[in-house]
């Protein structure tokens, strides 16, 4: 029964992580089009920081911790699909790291990238999520 509860909380954490990973670059898109030092730019800085610290970071940590517990408790270490999933989750975590770096650039008024750049990167978490869900549900190997 504990395993099922932890799996439910794992899914909840993933949903929160993905929501943030999809929303933060959208904020970057709008922030990139604002003038440094403007009221709007400062508002975006607050929104981005709060989203990262209150939702994205805790959700990622919970996803990893719960997921690793489920792997050990469920005996999934030898499953081929899990290795693929872990590779995609590591890639998602790397995206998380990029988002943190870009947030710091915006916070220091050092962003030099156009909105289009962030619009394109906004799609990467979606593609990773599709791969992860297929591997977990279908377990093709």
N, C-alpha and C. Protein backbone atom coordinates (compact mmCIF):
# COMPACT_ATOMS: atom_id res chain seq x y z
N UNK A 1 0.82 -1.21 0.00
CA UNK A 1 0.00 0.00 0.00
C UNK A 1 0.87 1.27 0.00
N UNK A 2 1.98 1.24 0.76
CA UNK A 2 2.89 2.39 0.80
C UNK A 2 3.43 2.69 -0.59
N UNK A 3 3.77 1.63 -1.34
CA UNK A 3 4.31 1.79 -2.68
C UNK A 3 3.32 2.58 -3.56
N UNK A 4 2.05 2.22 -3.49
CA UNK A 4 1.04 2.91 -4.30
C UNK A 4 0.89 4.38 -3.91
N UNK A 5 0.93 4.66 -2.61
CA UNK A 5 0.85 6.05 -2.16
C UNK A 5 2.05 6.84 -2.64
N UNK A 6 3.22 6.26 -2.54
CA UNK A 6 4.42 6.96 -2.98
C UNK A 6 4.43 7.15 -4.50
N UNK A 7 3.89 6.18 -5.21
CA UNK A 7 3.77 6.33 -6.67
C UNK A 7 2.83 7.48 -7.01
N UNK A 8 1.72 7.60 -6.27
CA UNK A 8 0.78 8.70 -6.49
C UNK A 8 1.47 10.05 -6.24
N UNK A 9 2.22 10.14 -5.15
CA UNK A 9 2.93 11.39 -4.85
C UNK A 9 4.03 11.66 -5.88
N UNK A 10 4.63 10.62 -6.41
CA UNK A 10 5.63 10.77 -7.48
C UNK A 10 4.98 11.40 -8.71
N UNK A 11 3.82 10.90 -9.09
CA UNK A 11 3.10 11.46 -10.25
C UNK A 11 2.71 12.91 -9.99
N UNK A 12 2.24 13.21 -8.80
CA UNK A 12 1.88 14.58 -8.44
C UNK A 12 3.11 15.49 -8.54
N UNK A 13 4.25 15.04 -8.03
CA UNK A 13 5.47 15.83 -8.11
C UNK A 13 5.90 16.05 -9.55
N UNK A 14 5.75 15.03 -10.38
CA UNK A 14 6.11 15.17 -11.79
C UNK A 14 5.20 16.18 -12.48
N UNK A 15 3.92 16.13 -12.18
CA UNK A 15 2.99 17.09 -12.79
C UNK A 15 3.39 18.51 -12.40
N UNK A 16 3.71 18.73 -11.13
CA UNK A 16 4.13 20.06 -10.69
C UNK A 16 5.44 20.48 -11.36
N UNK A 17 6.39 19.55 -11.45
CA UNK A 17 7.67 19.86 -12.09
C UNK A 17 7.45 20.24 -13.56
N UNK A 18 6.66 19.44 -14.25
CA UNK A 18 6.41 19.72 -15.66
C UNK A 18 5.66 21.03 -15.86
N UNK A 19 4.70 21.32 -15.00
CA UNK A 19 3.98 22.59 -15.11
C UNK A 19 4.96 23.76 -15.04
N UNK A 20 5.87 23.68 -14.08
CA UNK A 20 6.87 24.73 -13.96
C UNK A 20 7.84 24.77 -15.12
N UNK A 21 8.25 23.59 -15.59
CA UNK A 21 9.20 23.52 -16.71
C UNK A 21 8.59 24.03 -18.01
N UNK A 22 7.28 23.99 -18.10
CA UNK A 22 6.60 24.52 -19.28
C UNK A 22 6.28 26.01 -19.14
N UNK A 23 6.04 26.45 -17.92
CA UNK A 23 5.66 27.84 -17.69
C UNK A 23 6.85 28.79 -17.62
N UNK A 24 7.95 28.36 -16.99
CA UNK A 24 9.09 29.25 -16.81
C UNK A 24 9.65 29.78 -18.14
N UNK A 25 9.88 28.93 -19.14
CA UNK A 25 10.39 29.51 -20.39
C UNK A 25 9.37 30.42 -21.09
N UNK A 26 8.08 30.19 -20.82
CA UNK A 26 7.06 31.09 -21.36
C UNK A 26 7.21 32.47 -20.71
N UNK A 27 7.51 32.50 -19.41
CA UNK A 27 7.79 33.78 -18.76
C UNK A 27 9.03 34.42 -19.36
N UNK A 28 10.05 33.60 -19.68
CA UNK A 28 11.25 34.13 -20.32
C UNK A 28 10.93 34.77 -21.66
N UNK A 29 10.01 34.17 -22.41
CA UNK A 29 9.61 34.73 -23.72
C UNK A 29 9.12 36.16 -23.53
N UNK A 30 8.23 36.35 -22.59
CA UNK A 30 7.67 37.69 -22.36
C UNK A 30 8.69 38.62 -21.72
N UNK A 31 9.51 38.08 -20.83
CA UNK A 31 10.52 38.89 -20.15
C UNK A 31 11.56 39.40 -21.15
N UNK A 32 11.91 38.58 -22.13
CA UNK A 32 12.92 38.98 -23.12
C UNK A 32 12.49 40.21 -23.91
N UNK A 33 11.19 40.44 -24.00
CA UNK A 33 10.68 41.58 -24.76
C UNK A 33 10.46 42.83 -23.91
N UNK A 34 10.89 42.79 -22.65
CA UNK A 34 10.70 43.97 -21.79
C UNK A 34 12.02 44.73 -21.63
N UNK A 35 11.90 45.96 -21.26
CA UNK A 35 13.06 46.81 -21.06
C UNK A 35 13.64 46.56 -19.66
N UNK A 36 14.97 46.39 -19.60
CA UNK A 36 15.63 46.19 -18.31
C UNK A 36 15.29 47.33 -17.35
N UNK A 37 15.00 46.96 -16.11
CA UNK A 37 14.72 47.96 -15.08
C UNK A 37 13.28 48.45 -15.05
N UNK A 38 12.49 48.06 -16.04
CA UNK A 38 11.09 48.49 -16.05
C UNK A 38 10.31 47.75 -14.97
N UNK A 39 9.16 48.30 -14.63
CA UNK A 39 8.30 47.67 -13.64
C UNK A 39 7.91 46.27 -14.11
N UNK A 40 7.62 46.15 -15.38
CA UNK A 40 7.24 44.84 -15.94
C UNK A 40 8.39 43.83 -15.82
N UNK A 41 9.60 44.26 -16.12
CA UNK A 41 10.77 43.38 -16.01
C UNK A 41 10.96 42.93 -14.56
N UNK A 42 10.81 43.84 -13.63
CA UNK A 42 10.97 43.50 -12.21
C UNK A 42 9.87 42.53 -11.76
N UNK A 43 8.67 42.69 -12.29
CA UNK A 43 7.58 41.77 -11.97
C UNK A 43 7.90 40.37 -12.49
N UNK A 44 8.42 40.28 -13.71
CA UNK A 44 8.81 38.97 -14.25
C UNK A 44 9.89 38.32 -13.40
N UNK A 45 10.84 39.10 -12.92
CA UNK A 45 11.90 38.55 -12.06
C UNK A 45 11.31 37.90 -10.81
N UNK A 46 10.35 38.57 -10.20
CA UNK A 46 9.70 38.02 -9.00
C UNK A 46 8.95 36.74 -9.35
N UNK A 47 8.18 36.78 -10.44
CA UNK A 47 7.40 35.60 -10.84
C UNK A 47 8.31 34.41 -11.14
N UNK A 48 9.38 34.65 -11.87
CA UNK A 48 10.32 33.58 -12.23
C UNK A 48 10.98 32.98 -11.00
N UNK A 49 11.45 33.84 -10.11
CA UNK A 49 12.13 33.36 -8.90
C UNK A 49 11.18 32.54 -8.02
N UNK A 50 9.97 33.04 -7.83
CA UNK A 50 9.00 32.32 -6.99
C UNK A 50 8.61 30.99 -7.60
N UNK A 51 8.41 30.97 -8.91
CA UNK A 51 8.06 29.72 -9.59
C UNK A 51 9.17 28.69 -9.41
N UNK A 52 10.41 29.12 -9.57
CA UNK A 52 11.54 28.20 -9.43
C UNK A 52 11.66 27.70 -7.99
N UNK A 53 11.65 28.61 -7.04
CA UNK A 53 11.92 28.22 -5.65
C UNK A 53 10.73 27.54 -4.97
N UNK A 54 9.51 27.92 -5.31
CA UNK A 54 8.34 27.38 -4.62
C UNK A 54 7.75 26.15 -5.28
N UNK A 55 7.97 26.00 -6.59
CA UNK A 55 7.33 24.88 -7.29
C UNK A 55 8.35 23.98 -7.99
N UNK A 56 9.14 24.55 -8.89
CA UNK A 56 9.99 23.72 -9.74
C UNK A 56 11.06 22.97 -8.95
N UNK A 57 11.82 23.68 -8.13
CA UNK A 57 12.88 23.00 -7.36
C UNK A 57 12.33 21.92 -6.42
N UNK A 58 11.35 22.23 -5.57
CA UNK A 58 10.83 21.17 -4.69
C UNK A 58 10.22 20.01 -5.46
N UNK A 59 9.54 20.30 -6.56
CA UNK A 59 8.91 19.23 -7.34
C UNK A 59 9.97 18.32 -7.98
N UNK A 60 11.06 18.91 -8.46
CA UNK A 60 12.12 18.09 -9.04
C UNK A 60 12.75 17.19 -7.97
N UNK A 61 13.03 17.76 -6.83
CA UNK A 61 13.64 16.98 -5.74
C UNK A 61 12.71 15.84 -5.33
N UNK A 62 11.43 16.14 -5.15
CA UNK A 62 10.47 15.11 -4.77
C UNK A 62 10.35 14.04 -5.86
N UNK A 63 10.36 14.46 -7.12
CA UNK A 63 10.28 13.49 -8.23
C UNK A 63 11.45 12.52 -8.19
N UNK A 64 12.64 13.06 -8.02
CA UNK A 64 13.83 12.21 -7.97
C UNK A 64 13.82 11.27 -6.77
N UNK A 65 13.55 11.82 -5.58
CA UNK A 65 13.59 11.00 -4.37
C UNK A 65 12.53 9.90 -4.40
N UNK A 66 11.30 10.27 -4.74
CA UNK A 66 10.23 9.27 -4.81
C UNK A 66 10.50 8.26 -5.91
N UNK A 67 10.96 8.75 -7.06
CA UNK A 67 11.25 7.86 -8.18
C UNK A 67 12.32 6.84 -7.85
N UNK A 68 13.39 7.30 -7.21
CA UNK A 68 14.46 6.36 -6.84
C UNK A 68 13.97 5.34 -5.82
N UNK A 69 13.13 5.78 -4.88
CA UNK A 69 12.56 4.82 -3.94
C UNK A 69 11.73 3.77 -4.68
N UNK A 70 10.90 4.22 -5.63
CA UNK A 70 10.06 3.29 -6.38
C UNK A 70 10.89 2.30 -7.18
N UNK A 71 12.00 2.76 -7.73
CA UNK A 71 12.89 1.88 -8.49
C UNK A 71 13.44 0.78 -7.59
N UNK A 72 13.93 1.18 -6.42
CA UNK A 72 14.49 0.19 -5.49
C UNK A 72 13.41 -0.74 -4.95
N UNK A 73 12.30 -0.16 -4.48
CA UNK A 73 11.23 -0.97 -3.87
C UNK A 73 10.57 -1.89 -4.88
N UNK A 74 10.49 -1.44 -6.13
CA UNK A 74 9.83 -2.23 -7.16
C UNK A 74 10.77 -3.19 -7.89
N UNK A 75 12.06 -3.08 -7.61
CA UNK A 75 13.03 -3.95 -8.27
C UNK A 75 13.14 -3.70 -9.76
N UNK A 76 13.07 -2.44 -10.16
CA UNK A 76 13.07 -2.09 -11.59
C UNK A 76 14.46 -1.86 -12.18
N UNK A 77 15.52 -1.96 -11.41
CA UNK A 77 16.85 -1.57 -11.89
C UNK A 77 17.27 -2.25 -13.17
N UNK A 78 16.85 -3.47 -13.40
CA UNK A 78 17.30 -4.20 -14.60
C UNK A 78 16.40 -3.99 -15.81
N UNK A 79 15.32 -3.26 -15.65
CA UNK A 79 14.37 -3.03 -16.75
C UNK A 79 14.97 -2.07 -17.78
N UNK A 80 14.98 -2.48 -19.04
CA UNK A 80 15.54 -1.64 -20.10
C UNK A 80 14.82 -0.32 -20.26
N UNK A 81 13.50 -0.33 -20.14
CA UNK A 81 12.74 0.91 -20.29
C UNK A 81 13.15 1.93 -19.23
N UNK A 82 13.51 1.44 -18.03
CA UNK A 82 13.90 2.35 -16.95
C UNK A 82 15.19 3.08 -17.30
N UNK A 83 16.12 2.38 -17.94
CA UNK A 83 17.38 3.03 -18.32
C UNK A 83 17.10 4.17 -19.30
N UNK A 84 16.21 3.92 -20.25
CA UNK A 84 15.82 4.98 -21.19
C UNK A 84 15.14 6.13 -20.47
N UNK A 85 14.24 5.79 -19.55
CA UNK A 85 13.54 6.82 -18.80
C UNK A 85 14.53 7.65 -18.00
N UNK A 86 15.46 7.00 -17.31
CA UNK A 86 16.43 7.73 -16.51
C UNK A 86 17.28 8.67 -17.36
N UNK A 87 17.63 8.23 -18.56
CA UNK A 87 18.40 9.10 -19.46
C UNK A 87 17.59 10.36 -19.79
N UNK A 88 16.30 10.19 -20.05
CA UNK A 88 15.45 11.34 -20.37
C UNK A 88 15.23 12.22 -19.14
N UNK A 89 15.13 11.62 -17.96
CA UNK A 89 14.96 12.41 -16.73
C UNK A 89 16.25 13.19 -16.42
N UNK A 90 17.39 12.60 -16.70
CA UNK A 90 18.66 13.33 -16.54
C UNK A 90 18.67 14.51 -17.51
N UNK A 91 18.21 14.30 -18.73
CA UNK A 91 18.12 15.40 -19.71
C UNK A 91 17.16 16.49 -19.21
N UNK A 92 16.04 16.08 -18.61
CA UNK A 92 15.09 17.05 -18.06
C UNK A 92 15.75 17.83 -16.92
N UNK A 93 16.52 17.15 -16.12
CA UNK A 93 17.22 17.81 -15.02
C UNK A 93 18.27 18.79 -15.56
N UNK A 94 18.91 18.45 -16.66
CA UNK A 94 19.85 19.37 -17.31
C UNK A 94 19.11 20.60 -17.82
N UNK A 95 17.91 20.39 -18.37
CA UNK A 95 17.09 21.53 -18.80
C UNK A 95 16.77 22.42 -17.60
N UNK A 96 16.45 21.80 -16.50
CA UNK A 96 16.19 22.53 -15.25
C UNK A 96 17.39 23.41 -14.92
N UNK A 97 18.59 22.84 -15.03
CA UNK A 97 19.81 23.61 -14.78
C UNK A 97 19.97 24.79 -15.73
N UNK A 98 19.66 24.57 -17.00
CA UNK A 98 19.71 25.67 -17.97
C UNK A 98 18.74 26.77 -17.59
N UNK A 99 17.55 26.38 -17.19
CA UNK A 99 16.54 27.36 -16.80
C UNK A 99 17.02 28.19 -15.61
N UNK A 100 17.70 27.54 -14.66
CA UNK A 100 18.24 28.26 -13.51
C UNK A 100 19.27 29.29 -13.99
N UNK A 101 20.14 28.88 -14.90
CA UNK A 101 21.16 29.80 -15.42
C UNK A 101 20.51 30.98 -16.13
N UNK A 102 19.50 30.69 -16.96
CA UNK A 102 18.83 31.77 -17.69
C UNK A 102 18.08 32.70 -16.73
N UNK A 103 17.49 32.13 -15.69
CA UNK A 103 16.80 32.96 -14.69
C UNK A 103 17.79 33.91 -14.03
N UNK A 104 18.99 33.41 -13.73
CA UNK A 104 20.01 34.27 -13.12
C UNK A 104 20.43 35.38 -14.08
N UNK A 105 20.50 35.07 -15.37
CA UNK A 105 20.82 36.11 -16.36
C UNK A 105 19.75 37.20 -16.36
N UNK A 106 18.49 36.79 -16.35
CA UNK A 106 17.41 37.78 -16.31
C UNK A 106 17.46 38.58 -15.01
N UNK A 107 17.70 37.91 -13.89
CA UNK A 107 17.73 38.59 -12.59
C UNK A 107 18.81 39.66 -12.54
N UNK A 108 19.91 39.43 -13.26
CA UNK A 108 21.03 40.39 -13.28
C UNK A 108 20.97 41.31 -14.50
N UNK A 109 19.87 41.28 -15.22
CA UNK A 109 19.70 42.08 -16.45
C UNK A 109 20.80 41.80 -17.47
N UNK A 110 21.19 40.52 -17.58
CA UNK A 110 22.23 40.12 -18.53
C UNK A 110 21.69 39.31 -19.71
N UNK A 111 20.39 39.19 -19.83
CA UNK A 111 19.86 38.39 -20.93
C UNK A 111 20.16 39.07 -22.26
N UNK A 112 20.69 38.30 -23.21
CA UNK A 112 20.97 38.82 -24.54
C UNK A 112 20.20 38.05 -25.62
N UNK A 113 19.42 37.07 -25.20
CA UNK A 113 18.73 36.21 -26.16
C UNK A 113 17.34 36.77 -26.49
N UNK A 114 16.90 36.58 -27.74
CA UNK A 114 15.56 37.05 -28.12
C UNK A 114 14.47 36.11 -27.61
N UNK A 115 13.25 36.58 -27.63
CA UNK A 115 12.10 35.78 -27.18
C UNK A 115 11.99 34.48 -27.97
N UNK A 116 12.32 34.51 -29.25
CA UNK A 116 12.22 33.32 -30.10
C UNK A 116 13.09 32.17 -29.56
N UNK A 117 14.25 32.49 -29.03
CA UNK A 117 15.13 31.49 -28.44
C UNK A 117 14.41 30.71 -27.35
N UNK A 118 13.75 31.44 -26.46
CA UNK A 118 13.04 30.78 -25.35
C UNK A 118 11.79 30.07 -25.83
N UNK A 119 11.18 30.58 -26.87
CA UNK A 119 10.00 29.92 -27.46
C UNK A 119 10.38 28.53 -27.98
N UNK A 120 11.54 28.41 -28.60
CA UNK A 120 11.99 27.12 -29.10
C UNK A 120 12.35 26.17 -27.95
N UNK A 121 13.07 26.67 -26.95
CA UNK A 121 13.45 25.84 -25.82
C UNK A 121 12.26 25.42 -24.98
N UNK A 122 11.18 26.14 -25.07
CA UNK A 122 9.96 25.80 -24.35
C UNK A 122 9.41 24.43 -24.78
N UNK A 123 9.77 23.99 -25.98
CA UNK A 123 9.25 22.72 -26.50
C UNK A 123 10.05 21.51 -26.02
N UNK A 124 11.28 21.71 -25.60
CA UNK A 124 12.14 20.59 -25.22
C UNK A 124 11.57 19.76 -24.06
N UNK A 125 11.10 20.39 -22.96
CA UNK A 125 10.52 19.57 -21.89
C UNK A 125 9.32 18.75 -22.35
N UNK A 126 8.55 19.28 -23.27
CA UNK A 126 7.40 18.53 -23.79
C UNK A 126 7.86 17.27 -24.51
N UNK A 127 8.87 17.40 -25.33
CA UNK A 127 9.39 16.23 -26.05
C UNK A 127 9.97 15.20 -25.09
N UNK A 128 10.70 15.67 -24.08
CA UNK A 128 11.24 14.75 -23.09
C UNK A 128 10.12 14.05 -22.33
N UNK A 129 9.09 14.81 -21.96
CA UNK A 129 7.95 14.24 -21.24
C UNK A 129 7.25 13.16 -22.07
N UNK A 130 7.08 13.40 -23.34
CA UNK A 130 6.44 12.40 -24.22
C UNK A 130 7.24 11.11 -24.20
N UNK A 131 8.55 11.22 -24.34
CA UNK A 131 9.39 10.03 -24.29
C UNK A 131 9.31 9.31 -22.96
N UNK A 132 9.33 10.05 -21.87
CA UNK A 132 9.27 9.46 -20.54
C UNK A 132 7.96 8.72 -20.34
N UNK A 133 6.86 9.36 -20.68
CA UNK A 133 5.54 8.73 -20.49
C UNK A 133 5.41 7.46 -21.32
N UNK A 134 5.87 7.50 -22.57
CA UNK A 134 5.79 6.30 -23.42
C UNK A 134 6.61 5.17 -22.81
N UNK A 135 7.81 5.48 -22.35
CA UNK A 135 8.65 4.42 -21.76
C UNK A 135 8.01 3.82 -20.51
N UNK A 136 7.41 4.65 -19.67
CA UNK A 136 6.82 4.18 -18.42
C UNK A 136 5.54 3.38 -18.67
N UNK A 137 4.71 3.86 -19.57
CA UNK A 137 3.40 3.21 -19.79
C UNK A 137 3.52 2.00 -20.70
N UNK A 138 4.22 2.15 -21.83
CA UNK A 138 4.30 1.08 -22.82
C UNK A 138 5.37 0.05 -22.46
N UNK A 139 6.45 0.51 -21.82
CA UNK A 139 7.59 -0.36 -21.48
C UNK A 139 8.02 -1.18 -22.70
N UNK A 140 8.46 -0.48 -23.77
CA UNK A 140 8.76 -1.17 -25.04
C UNK A 140 9.95 -2.12 -24.99
N UNK A 141 10.78 -2.03 -23.99
CA UNK A 141 11.93 -2.93 -23.88
C UNK A 141 12.34 -3.08 -22.44
